[in-house]
């Protein structure tokens, strides 16, 4: 099984109703919040960071626009990867 086959695949609908498919690279708990690091399956864009919100009717992803918060999440991801390198 390849690494791509092991990734969780999700479809996200934007505010305009357009659907895009992403691989979930990581779920990270940072400062009491949960974030998802997503990569596009359609092109080679930079990873997208979204906050995971738990609501009574399900979970939702919300885009993170604050550059400081994005950097904190990316730093946490780098630390996690460095601490647990892939085989």
PDB file of N, CA and C in Angstrom:
ATOM      1  N   UNK A   1       0.842  -1.174   0.000  1.00  0.00           N
ATOM      2  CA  UNK A   1       0.000   0.000   0.000  1.00  0.00           C
ATOM      3  C   UNK A   1       0.885   1.234   0.000  1.00  0.00           C
ATOM      4  N   UNK A   2       0.607   2.185  -0.882  1.00  0.00           N
ATOM      5  CA  UNK A   2       1.420   3.390  -0.954  1.00  0.00           C
ATOM      6  C   UNK A   2       0.967   4.384   0.109  1.00  0.00           C
ATOM      7  N   UNK A   3       1.816   5.366   0.351  1.00  0.00           N
ATOM      8  CA  UNK A   3       1.506   6.386   1.342  1.00  0.00           C
ATOM      9  C   UNK A   3       0.230   7.128   0.966  1.00  0.00           C
ATOM     10  N   UNK A   4       0.022   7.392  -0.320  1.00  0.00           N
ATOM     11  CA  UNK A   4      -1.175   8.091  -0.762  1.00  0.00           C
ATOM     12  C   UNK A   4      -2.433   7.303  -0.424  1.00  0.00           C
ATOM     13  N   UNK A   5      -2.390   5.994  -0.517  1.00  0.00           N
ATOM     14  CA  UNK A   5      -3.552   5.176  -0.215  1.00  0.00           C
ATOM     15  C   UNK A   5      -3.882   5.199   1.272  1.00  0.00           C
ATOM     16  N   UNK A   6      -2.907   5.497   2.112  1.00  0.00           N
ATOM     17  CA  UNK A   6      -3.118   5.518   3.554  1.00  0.00           C
ATOM     18  C   UNK A   6      -3.696   6.837   4.042  1.00  0.00           C
ATOM     19  N   UNK A   7      -3.642   7.878   3.258  1.00  0.00           N
ATOM     20  CA  UNK A   7      -4.127   9.195   3.658  1.00  0.00           C
ATOM     21  C   UNK A   7      -5.657   9.221   3.693  1.00  0.00           C
ATOM     22  N   UNK A   8      -6.195  10.002   4.633  1.00  0.00           N
ATOM     23  CA  UNK A   8      -7.627  10.257   4.650  1.00  0.00           C
ATOM     24  C   UNK A   8      -7.922  11.291   3.574  1.00  0.00           C
ATOM     25  N   UNK A   9      -8.940  11.034   2.788  1.00  0.00           N
ATOM     26  CA  UNK A   9      -9.341  11.929   1.715  1.00  0.00           C
ATOM     27  C   UNK A   9     -10.669  12.569   2.109  1.00  0.00           C
ATOM     28  N   UNK A  10     -10.744  13.892   1.971  1.00  0.00           N
ATOM     29  CA  UNK A  10     -11.988  14.591   2.266  1.00  0.00           C
ATOM     30  C   UNK A  10     -12.345  15.510   1.100  1.00  0.00           C
ATOM     31  N   UNK A  11     -13.617  15.827   1.001  1.00  0.00           N
ATOM     32  CA  UNK A  11     -14.095  16.795   0.021  1.00  0.00           C
ATOM     33  C   UNK A  11     -14.616  18.000   0.787  1.00  0.00           C
ATOM     34  N   UNK A  12     -14.150  19.172   0.392  1.00  0.00           N
ATOM     35  CA  UNK A  12     -14.520  20.418   1.054  1.00  0.00           C
ATOM     36  C   UNK A  12     -15.267  21.282   0.056  1.00  0.00           C
ATOM     37  N   UNK A  13     -16.387  21.839   0.498  1.00  0.00           N
ATOM     38  CA  UNK A  13     -17.157  22.765  -0.334  1.00  0.00           C
ATOM     39  C   UNK A  13     -16.888  24.180   0.148  1.00  0.00           C
ATOM     40  N   UNK A  14     -16.472  25.044  -0.777  1.00  0.00           N
ATOM     41  CA  UNK A  14     -16.183  26.419  -0.374  1.00  0.00           C
ATOM     42  C   UNK A  14     -17.473  27.242  -0.327  1.00  0.00           C
ATOM     43  N   UNK A  15     -17.320  28.531   0.004  1.00  0.00           N
ATOM     44  CA  UNK A  15     -18.487  29.400   0.156  1.00  0.00           C
ATOM     45  C   UNK A  15     -19.242  29.631  -1.155  1.00  0.00           C
ATOM     46  N   UNK A  16     -18.631  29.263  -2.284  1.00  0.00           N
ATOM     47  CA  UNK A  16     -19.275  29.417  -3.589  1.00  0.00           C
ATOM     48  C   UNK A  16     -19.892  28.115  -4.084  1.00  0.00           C
ATOM     49  N   UNK A  17     -19.807  27.061  -3.272  1.00  0.00           N
ATOM     50  CA  UNK A  17     -20.385  25.771  -3.646  1.00  0.00           C
ATOM     51  C   UNK A  17     -19.459  24.882  -4.464  1.00  0.00           C
ATOM     52  N   UNK A  18     -18.223  25.325  -4.691  1.00  0.00           N
ATOM     53  CA  UNK A  18     -17.260  24.518  -5.449  1.00  0.00           C
ATOM     54  C   UNK A  18     -16.633  23.478  -4.517  1.00  0.00           C
ATOM     55  N   UNK A  19     -16.595  22.232  -4.978  1.00  0.00           N
ATOM     56  CA  UNK A  19     -16.004  21.159  -4.177  1.00  0.00           C
ATOM     57  C   UNK A  19     -14.572  20.894  -4.623  1.00  0.00           C
ATOM     58  N   UNK A  20     -13.709  20.657  -3.630  1.00  0.00           N
ATOM     59  CA  UNK A  20     -12.309  20.287  -3.888  1.00  0.00           C
ATOM     60  C   UNK A  20     -11.965  19.116  -2.992  1.00  0.00           C
ATOM     61  N   UNK A  21     -11.077  18.264  -3.478  1.00  0.00           N
ATOM     62  CA  UNK A  21     -10.650  17.084  -2.734  1.00  0.00           C
ATOM     63  C   UNK A  21      -9.272  17.337  -2.139  1.00  0.00           C
ATOM     64  N   UNK A  22      -9.109  16.928  -0.873  1.00  0.00           N
ATOM     65  CA  UNK A  22      -7.853  17.116  -0.158  1.00  0.00           C
ATOM     66  C   UNK A  22      -7.459  15.839   0.566  1.00  0.00           C
ATOM     67  N   UNK A  23      -6.159  15.704   0.783  1.00  0.00           N
ATOM     68  CA  UNK A  23      -5.630  14.667   1.673  1.00  0.00           C
ATOM     69  C   UNK A  23      -5.380  15.318   3.021  1.00  0.00           C
ATOM     70  N   UNK A  24      -5.731  14.615   4.078  1.00  0.00           N
ATOM     71  CA  UNK A  24      -5.460  15.111   5.421  1.00  0.00           C
ATOM     72  C   UNK A  24      -4.051  14.663   5.794  1.00  0.00           C
ATOM     73  N   UNK A  25      -3.142  15.608   5.829  1.00  0.00           N
ATOM     74  CA  UNK A  25      -1.755  15.309   6.167  1.00  0.00           C
ATOM     75  C   UNK A  25      -1.579  15.138   7.668  1.00  0.00           C
ATOM     76  N   UNK A  26      -2.310  15.946   8.426  1.00  0.00           N
ATOM     77  CA  UNK A  26      -2.170  15.883   9.885  1.00  0.00           C
ATOM     78  C   UNK A  26      -3.343  16.562  10.554  1.00  0.00           C
ATOM     79  N   UNK A  27      -3.651  16.089  11.747  1.00  0.00           N
ATOM     80  CA  UNK A  27      -4.558  16.763  12.674  1.00  0.00           C
ATOM     81  C   UNK A  27      -3.719  17.140  13.879  1.00  0.00           C
ATOM     82  N   UNK A  28      -3.761  18.405  14.254  1.00  0.00           N
ATOM     83  CA  UNK A  28      -2.900  18.898  15.325  1.00  0.00           C
ATOM     84  C   UNK A  28      -3.712  19.644  16.371  1.00  0.00           C
ATOM     85  N   UNK A  29      -3.428  19.386  17.633  1.00  0.00           N
ATOM     86  CA  UNK A  29      -4.012  20.150  18.728  1.00  0.00           C
ATOM     87  C   UNK A  29      -3.011  21.227  19.111  1.00  0.00           C
ATOM     88  N   UNK A  30      -3.412  22.473  18.938  1.00  0.00           N
ATOM     89  CA  UNK A  30      -2.538  23.605  19.232  1.00  0.00           C
ATOM     90  C   UNK A  30      -3.350  24.630  20.026  1.00  0.00           C
ATOM     91  N   UNK A  31      -2.845  24.980  21.202  1.00  0.00           N
ATOM     92  CA  UNK A  31      -3.488  25.992  22.047  1.00  0.00           C
ATOM     93  C   UNK A  31      -4.970  25.684  22.254  1.00  0.00           C
ATOM     94  N   UNK A  32      -5.285  24.445  22.601  1.00  0.00           N
ATOM     95  CA  UNK A  32      -6.648  23.984  22.917  1.00  0.00           C
ATOM     96  C   UNK A  32      -7.598  24.006  21.722  1.00  0.00           C
ATOM     97  N   UNK A  33      -7.063  24.116  20.530  1.00  0.00           N
ATOM     98  CA  UNK A  33      -7.859  24.074  19.303  1.00  0.00           C
ATOM     99  C   UNK A  33      -7.324  22.949  18.425  1.00  0.00           C
ATOM    100  N   UNK A  34      -8.167  22.412  17.545  1.00  0.00           N
ATOM    101  CA  UNK A  34      -7.737  21.363  16.619  1.00  0.00           C
ATOM    102  C   UNK A  34      -7.659  21.943  15.215  1.00  0.00           C
ATOM    103  N   UNK A  35      -6.565  21.617  14.523  1.00  0.00           N
ATOM    104  CA  UNK A  35      -6.346  22.105  13.173  1.00  0.00           C
ATOM    105  C   UNK A  35      -6.060  20.930  12.246  1.00  0.00           C
ATOM    106  N   UNK A  36      -6.462  21.079  10.986  1.00  0.00           N
ATOM    107  CA  UNK A  36      -6.184  20.082   9.958  1.00  0.00           C
ATOM    108  C   UNK A  36      -5.228  20.702   8.951  1.00  0.00           C
ATOM    109  N   UNK A  37      -4.193  19.957   8.600  1.00  0.00           N
ATOM    110  CA  UNK A  37      -3.262  20.359   7.554  1.00  0.00           C
ATOM    111  C   UNK A  37      -3.648  19.556   6.321  1.00  0.00           C
ATOM    112  N   UNK A  38      -4.105  20.245   5.282  1.00  0.00           N
ATOM    113  CA  UNK A  38      -4.625  19.596   4.076  1.00  0.00           C
ATOM    114  C   UNK A  38      -3.755  19.894   2.874  1.00  0.00           C
ATOM    115  N   UNK A  39      -3.610  18.902   2.002  1.00  0.00           N
ATOM    116  CA  UNK A  39      -2.933  19.120   0.730  1.00  0.00           C
ATOM    117  C   UNK A  39      -3.904  18.785  -0.390  1.00  0.00           C
ATOM    118  N   UNK A  40      -3.788  19.517  -1.480  1.00  0.00           N
ATOM    119  CA  UNK A  40      -4.699  19.353  -2.602  1.00  0.00           C
ATOM    120  C   UNK A  40      -4.354  18.113  -3.403  1.00  0.00           C
ATOM    121  N   UNK A  41      -5.372  17.388  -3.815  1.00  0.00           N
ATOM    122  CA  UNK A  41      -5.183  16.243  -4.700  1.00  0.00           C
ATOM    123  C   UNK A  41      -5.242  16.663  -6.157  1.00  0.00           C
ATOM    124  N   UNK A  42      -5.595  17.915  -6.410  1.00  0.00           N
ATOM    125  CA  UNK A  42      -5.782  18.405  -7.772  1.00  0.00           C
ATOM    126  C   UNK A  42      -4.579  19.163  -8.310  1.00  0.00           C
ATOM    127  N   UNK A  43      -3.802  19.764  -7.429  1.00  0.00           N
ATOM    128  CA  UNK A  43      -2.620  20.513  -7.865  1.00  0.00           C
ATOM    129  C   UNK A  43      -1.621  20.557  -6.720  1.00  0.00           C
ATOM    130  N   UNK A  44      -0.529  21.245  -6.947  1.00  0.00           N
ATOM    131  CA  UNK A  44       0.551  21.269  -5.954  1.00  0.00           C
ATOM    132  C   UNK A  44       0.577  22.564  -5.153  1.00  0.00           C
ATOM    133  N   UNK A  45      -0.597  23.065  -4.761  1.00  0.00           N
ATOM    134  CA  UNK A  45      -0.655  24.270  -3.935  1.00  0.00           C
ATOM    135  C   UNK A  45       0.013  24.014  -2.590  1.00  0.00           C
ATOM    136  N   UNK A  46       0.313  25.105  -1.900  1.00  0.00           N
ATOM    137  CA  UNK A  46       0.814  24.994  -0.526  1.00  0.00           C
ATOM    138  C   UNK A  46      -0.252  24.332   0.339  1.00  0.00           C
ATOM    139  N   UNK A  47       0.150  23.705   1.416  1.00  0.00           N
ATOM    140  CA  UNK A  47      -0.839  23.102   2.316  1.00  0.00           C
ATOM    141  C   UNK A  47      -1.816  24.161   2.832  1.00  0.00           C
ATOM    142  N   UNK A  48      -3.026  23.705   3.097  1.00  0.00           N
ATOM    143  CA  UNK A  48      -4.061  24.571   3.638  1.00  0.00           C
ATOM    144  C   UNK A  48      -4.258  24.200   5.104  1.00  0.00           C
ATOM    145  N   UNK A  49      -4.372  25.224   5.951  1.00  0.00           N
ATOM    146  CA  UNK A  49      -4.602  24.988   7.369  1.00  0.00           C
ATOM    147  C   UNK A  49      -6.033  25.405   7.679  1.00  0.00           C
ATOM    148  N   UNK A  50      -6.777  24.486   8.277  1.00  0.00           N
ATOM    149  CA  UNK A  50      -8.155  24.771   8.653  1.00  0.00           C
ATOM    150  C   UNK A  50      -8.375  24.367  10.099  1.00  0.00           C
ATOM    151  N   UNK A  51      -9.193  25.144  10.790  1.00  0.00           N
ATOM    152  CA  UNK A  51      -9.547  24.814  12.160  1.00  0.00           C
ATOM    153  C   UNK A  51     -10.742  23.870  12.133  1.00  0.00           C
ATOM    154  N   UNK A  52     -10.698  22.856  12.997  1.00  0.00           N
ATOM    155  CA  UNK A  52     -11.787  21.897  13.112  1.00  0.00           C
ATOM    156  C   UNK A  52     -12.686  22.363  14.255  1.00  0.00           C
ATOM    157  N   UNK A  53     -13.955  22.610  13.917  1.00  0.00           N
ATOM    158  CA  UNK A  53     -14.916  23.025  14.929  1.00  0.00           C
ATOM    159  C   UNK A  53     -15.909  21.904  15.162  1.00  0.00           C
ATOM    160  N   UNK A  54     -16.110  21.562  16.423  1.00  0.00           N
ATOM    161  CA  UNK A  54     -17.096  20.551  16.800  1.00  0.00           C
ATOM    162  C   UNK A  54     -18.393  21.250  17.168  1.00  0.00           C
ATOM    163  N   UNK A  55     -19.445  20.946  16.431  1.00  0.00           N
ATOM    164  CA  UNK A  55     -20.773  21.487  16.708  1.00  0.00           C
ATOM    165  C   UNK A  55     -21.705  20.330  17.028  1.00  0.00           C
ATOM    166  N   UNK A  56     -22.869  20.630  17.536  1.00  0.00           N
ATOM    167  CA  UNK A  56     -23.830  19.581  17.887  1.00  0.00           C
ATOM    168  C   UNK A  56     -24.220  18.733  16.677  1.00  0.00           C
ATOM    169  N   UNK A  57     -24.268  19.343  15.501  1.00  0.00           N
ATOM    170  CA  UNK A  57     -24.690  18.613  14.305  1.00  0.00           C
ATOM    171  C   UNK A  57     -23.519  18.096  13.459  1.00  0.00           C
ATOM    172  N   UNK A  58     -22.294  18.144  13.978  1.00  0.00           N
ATOM    173  CA  UNK A  58     -21.145  17.581  13.264  1.00  0.00           C
ATOM    174  C   UNK A  58     -19.903  18.438  13.396  1.00  0.00           C
ATOM    175  N   UNK A  59     -18.899  18.065  12.609  1.00  0.00           N
ATOM    176  CA  UNK A  59     -17.645  18.817  12.594  1.00  0.00           C
ATOM    177  C   UNK A  59     -17.585  19.661  11.335  1.00  0.00           C
ATOM    178  N   UNK A  60     -16.968  20.832  11.474  1.00  0.00           N
ATOM    179  CA  UNK A  60     -16.833  21.752  10.360  1.00  0.00           C
ATOM    180  C   UNK A  60     -15.393  22.223  10.268  1.00  0.00           C
ATOM    181  N   UNK A  61     -14.967  22.534   9.056  1.00  0.00           N
ATOM    182  CA  UNK A  61     -13.647  23.102   8.828  1.00  0.00           C
ATOM    183  C   UNK A  61     -13.807  24.577   8.503  1.00  0.00           C
ATOM    184  N   UNK A  62     -12.986  25.393   9.149  1.00  0.00           N
ATOM    185  CA  UNK A  62     -13.012  26.836   8.934  1.00  0.00           C
ATOM    186  C   UNK A  62     -11.604  27.258   8.555  1.00  0.00           C
ATOM    187  N   UNK A  63     -11.475  28.030   7.494  1.00  0.00           N
ATOM    188  CA  UNK A  63     -10.167  28.507   7.056  1.00  0.00           C
ATOM    189  C   UNK A  63      -9.496  29.377   8.100  1.00  0.00           C
ATOM    190  N   UNK A  64      -8.186  29.271   8.187  1.00  0.00           N
ATOM    191  CA  UNK A  64      -7.387  30.085   9.105  1.00  0.00           C
ATOM    192  C   UNK A  64      -6.708  31.159   8.271  1.00  0.00           C
ATOM    193  N   UNK A  65      -7.021  32.417   8.566  1.00  0.00           N
ATOM    194  CA  UNK A  65      -6.446  33.517   7.796  1.00  0.00           C
ATOM    195  C   UNK A  65      -5.349  34.265   8.536  1.00  0.00           C
ATOM    196  N   UNK A  66      -5.287  34.105   9.853  1.00  0.00           N
ATOM    197  CA  UNK A  66      -4.286  34.784  10.665  1.00  0.00           C
ATOM    198  C   UNK A  66      -2.913  34.176  10.395  1.00  0.00           C
ATOM    199  N   UNK A  67      -1.980  34.958   9.822  1.00  0.00           N
ATOM    200  CA  UNK A  67      -0.662  34.406   9.490  1.00  0.00           C
ATOM    201  C   UNK A  67       0.116  33.924  10.710  1.00  0.00           C
ATOM    202  N   UNK A  68      -0.085  34.556  11.850  1.00  0.00           N
ATOM    203  CA  UNK A  68       0.618  34.121  13.065  1.00  0.00           C
ATOM    204  C   UNK A  68       0.115  32.740  13.479  1.00  0.00           C
ATOM    205  N   UNK A  69      -1.195  32.564  13.465  1.00  0.00           N
ATOM    206  CA  UNK A  69      -1.773  31.271  13.832  1.00  0.00           C
ATOM    207  C   UNK A  69      -1.335  30.187  12.837  1.00  0.00           C
ATOM    208  N   UNK A  70      -1.286  30.535  11.544  1.00  0.00           N
ATOM    209  CA  UNK A  70      -0.820  29.576  10.530  1.00  0.00           C
ATOM    210  C   UNK A  70       0.605  29.131  10.835  1.00  0.00           C
ATOM    211  N   UNK A  71       1.472  30.088  11.170  1.00  0.00           N
ATOM    212  CA  UNK A  71       2.864  29.758  11.460  1.00  0.00           C
ATOM    213  C   UNK A  71       2.994  28.894  12.709  1.00  0.00           C
ATOM    214  N   UNK A  72       2.164  29.162  13.715  1.00  0.00           N
ATOM    215  CA  UNK A  72       2.191  28.346  14.928  1.00  0.00           C
ATOM    216  C   UNK A  72       1.830  26.902  14.597  1.00  0.00           C
ATOM    217  N   UNK A  73       0.788  26.713  13.779  1.00  0.00           N
ATOM    218  CA  UNK A  73       0.362  25.360  13.397  1.00  0.00           C
ATOM    219  C   UNK A  73       1.435  24.682  12.557  1.00  0.00           C
ATOM    220  N   UNK A  74       2.023  25.400  11.603  1.00  0.00           N
ATOM    221  CA  UNK A  74       3.087  24.811  10.774  1.00  0.00           C
ATOM    222  C   UNK A  74       4.308  24.446  11.613  1.00  0.00           C
ATOM    223  N   UNK A  75       4.651  25.288  12.584  1.00  0.00           N
ATOM    224  CA  UNK A  75       5.765  24.967  13.482  1.00  0.00           C
ATOM    225  C   UNK A  75       5.466  23.704  14.289  1.00  0.00           C
ATOM    226  N   UNK A  76       4.235  23.578  14.775  1.00  0.00           N
ATOM    227  CA  UNK A  76       3.843  22.383  15.529  1.00  0.00           C
ATOM    228  C   UNK A  76       3.932  21.144  14.647  1.00  0.00           C
ATOM    229  N   UNK A  77       3.550  21.277  13.387  1.00  0.00           N
ATOM    230  CA  UNK A  77       3.636  20.157  12.451  1.00  0.00           C
ATOM    231  C   UNK A  77       5.093  19.749  12.238  1.00  0.00           C
ATOM    232  N   UNK A  78       5.967  20.719  12.036  1.00  0.00           N
ATOM    233  CA  UNK A  78       7.389  20.440  11.852  1.00  0.00           C
ATOM    234  C   UNK A  78       7.976  19.730  13.069  1.00  0.00           C
ATOM    235  N   UNK A  79       7.619  20.175  14.252  1.00  0.00           N
ATOM    236  CA  UNK A  79       8.107  19.541  15.487  1.00  0.00           C
ATOM    237  C   UNK A  79       7.631  18.100  15.553  1.00  0.00           C
ATOM    238  N   UNK A  80       6.354  17.872  15.212  1.00  0.00           N
ATOM    239  CA  UNK A  80       5.801  16.511  15.249  1.00  0.00           C
ATOM    240  C   UNK A  80       6.498  15.602  14.243  1.00  0.00           C
ATOM    241  N   UNK A  81       6.766  16.115  13.049  1.00  0.00           N
ATOM    242  CA  UNK A  81       7.441  15.311  12.024  1.00  0.00           C
ATOM    243  C   UNK A  81       8.873  15.019  12.443  1.00  0.00           C
ATOM    244  N   UNK A  82       9.562  16.009  12.982  1.00  0.00           N
ATOM    245  CA  UNK A  82      10.938  15.807  13.440  1.00  0.00           C
ATOM    246  C   UNK A  82      11.023  14.789  14.575  1.00  0.00           C
ATOM    247  N   UNK A  83       9.997  14.799  15.440  1.00  0.00           N
ATOM    248  CA  UNK A  83       9.984  13.888  16.581  1.00  0.00           C
ATOM    249  C   UNK A  83       9.627  12.453  16.178  1.00  0.00           C
ATOM    250  N   UNK A  84       8.902  12.314  15.076  1.00  0.00           N
ATOM    251  CA  UNK A  84       8.444  10.986  14.612  1.00  0.00           C
ATOM    252  C   UNK A  84       8.676  10.854  13.120  1.00  0.00           C
ATOM    253  N   UNK A  85       9.917  10.766  12.670  1.00  0.00           N
ATOM    254  CA  UNK A  85      10.180  10.686  11.230  1.00  0.00           C
ATOM    255  C   UNK A  85       9.574   9.404  10.639  1.00  0.00           C
ATOM    256  N   UNK A  86       9.149   9.530   9.371  1.00  0.00           N
ATOM    257  CA  UNK A  86       8.594   8.361   8.670  1.00  0.00           C
ATOM    258  C   UNK A  86       9.710   7.355   8.393  1.00  0.00           C
ATOM    259  N   UNK A  87       9.323   6.090   8.366  1.00  0.00           N
ATOM    260  CA  UNK A  87      10.305   5.023   8.085  1.00  0.00           C
ATOM    261  C   UNK A  87      10.641   4.950   6.629  1.00  0.00           C
TER     262      UNK A  87
END
